[in-house]
Amino acid sequence: MRSLDAARDTCERFHPGLTKALDALAYDERERPGSPVIDLFRAHAGVGLLVPRSFGGSGADPLEAVRVMRALGSYSPSLAAGVTMHHFTVAMLYALADEADGLTGAQRSLLADVVPGQRLMASGWAEGRTGQSILTPSVTARPVDGGYLLNGAKKPCSLSRSMDLLTASIALDRPDGGRDLALALVSADSPGLSVHPFWGNEVLAAAETDEVRLEDVHVPTELVIRSDGDDPERIEELQTAGFIWFELLISSGYAGAATALVEKAVRQNRGSVTDRAALAVSCEAAFALLEGVARAVRDGLGGEEAVAAVLTARFSAQRTFVRVAADALELLGGMDFILSSESSRIATSVRPLAFHPPSRGSSAEALLSYFGGGRLVLG
């Protein structure tokens, strides 16, 4: 399909040779536990997609990024789901680098090594609430000399076995008895950090989504990012921006999987011309919604307006992708189903978009409030 070819061309521009390397693997090889797809991603300059050029990265804009993710999802839904966690974390952290005093020297030094060292970041951040305090982090932090001891677990946590760095949201006590959200940058080889099996489904099995435990993991003070008196909303605003990136990127990866099935049905001339055209139109329209929000974010849309826009696009596309994947599977027919599990596994891999936060049900009241002129407060 023309649009998927364009997405793959975009991916090739940022990651030369990656689509060819992925295509050379059988689908089962790409999607199995222990698959080489994350190593291939790293070997083809994958980690730098959203890293600013000033830090040696590619500096892709949101529209380019969603097209790259669509291309990756068309080959490996697991890879797209996994690296979304790296990319949206990068987008948040490097936003601080643009501020004059946004990072300590140690933090800036760590980020400066991401591209040269091809360092992958896993996300242990709490989910954000727009216009309200964020949800309680699952990791606790106890102050000690020179830093903090972290305890807790992040599950599920994608890229758990390939990560070089875990970004963990923590709550820090204030002298007045309140608590501030902060972000700890934790090296994956820190004593006390361990990875344990958690994912039990063959779908998205190559995303390395397991449990990460932290038991008295020491993090130096200079590797903790927190709000301050001059900018008390700093971390929450960062979370909101990261939330927008996450929704765009994760939705685009699943869009790639759905489009791959539609492409297969179209190329094999399955069903009637009308059936194939309807399938392609629905798929293209859904991705056009995501591209539209990506363009708007690129051009400056932010805050609650961007959150509402991206959730509207995601929830609309979410239902469409499941339907077009099912319809494409039907057009491909019984013999395709009998002779190989590939098509049915791709169709199934589209469904988990519904399981990423926030759910449609939990967002319904907040969106209705926003559409009616109120605030957008996600719980």
Foldseek 3Di string as FASTA:
>chain_A
DVLLVVLVVLLCVQFPPLLVVLVVDDLLLQQFAVRCNVVSCLVRQNLQDCADVVLVGDNDALLSLLSPLLNVLLRHLLVLQQQLQQVLVNNLLCVLVVDPPSADPVSVVVSSCCRVVVAGEKEQEFAAWFPDGTDARQWEWDDDPQFTFIWGKRAFIFCLPPHQWYWHWYWDADPVGDIWIKIAIAGSPFPQWDWDADDDDSQSNHRRTTMITGDRGTGGPSRMGTDDPVGRCSVNQSSQSSLLSSLLSSLSSLLSLLVSLLVVLVVVVFDDPVLSVVLVVLSVVLVVLSSVLSVVVSVPDGGQVSVLSSVVSSVSSLVSSLVSLVSSVVRVHDVVVVVDVVSVSSSVNSNCSCVPPDHCVQQVVQSVQVVVPHHRTGD
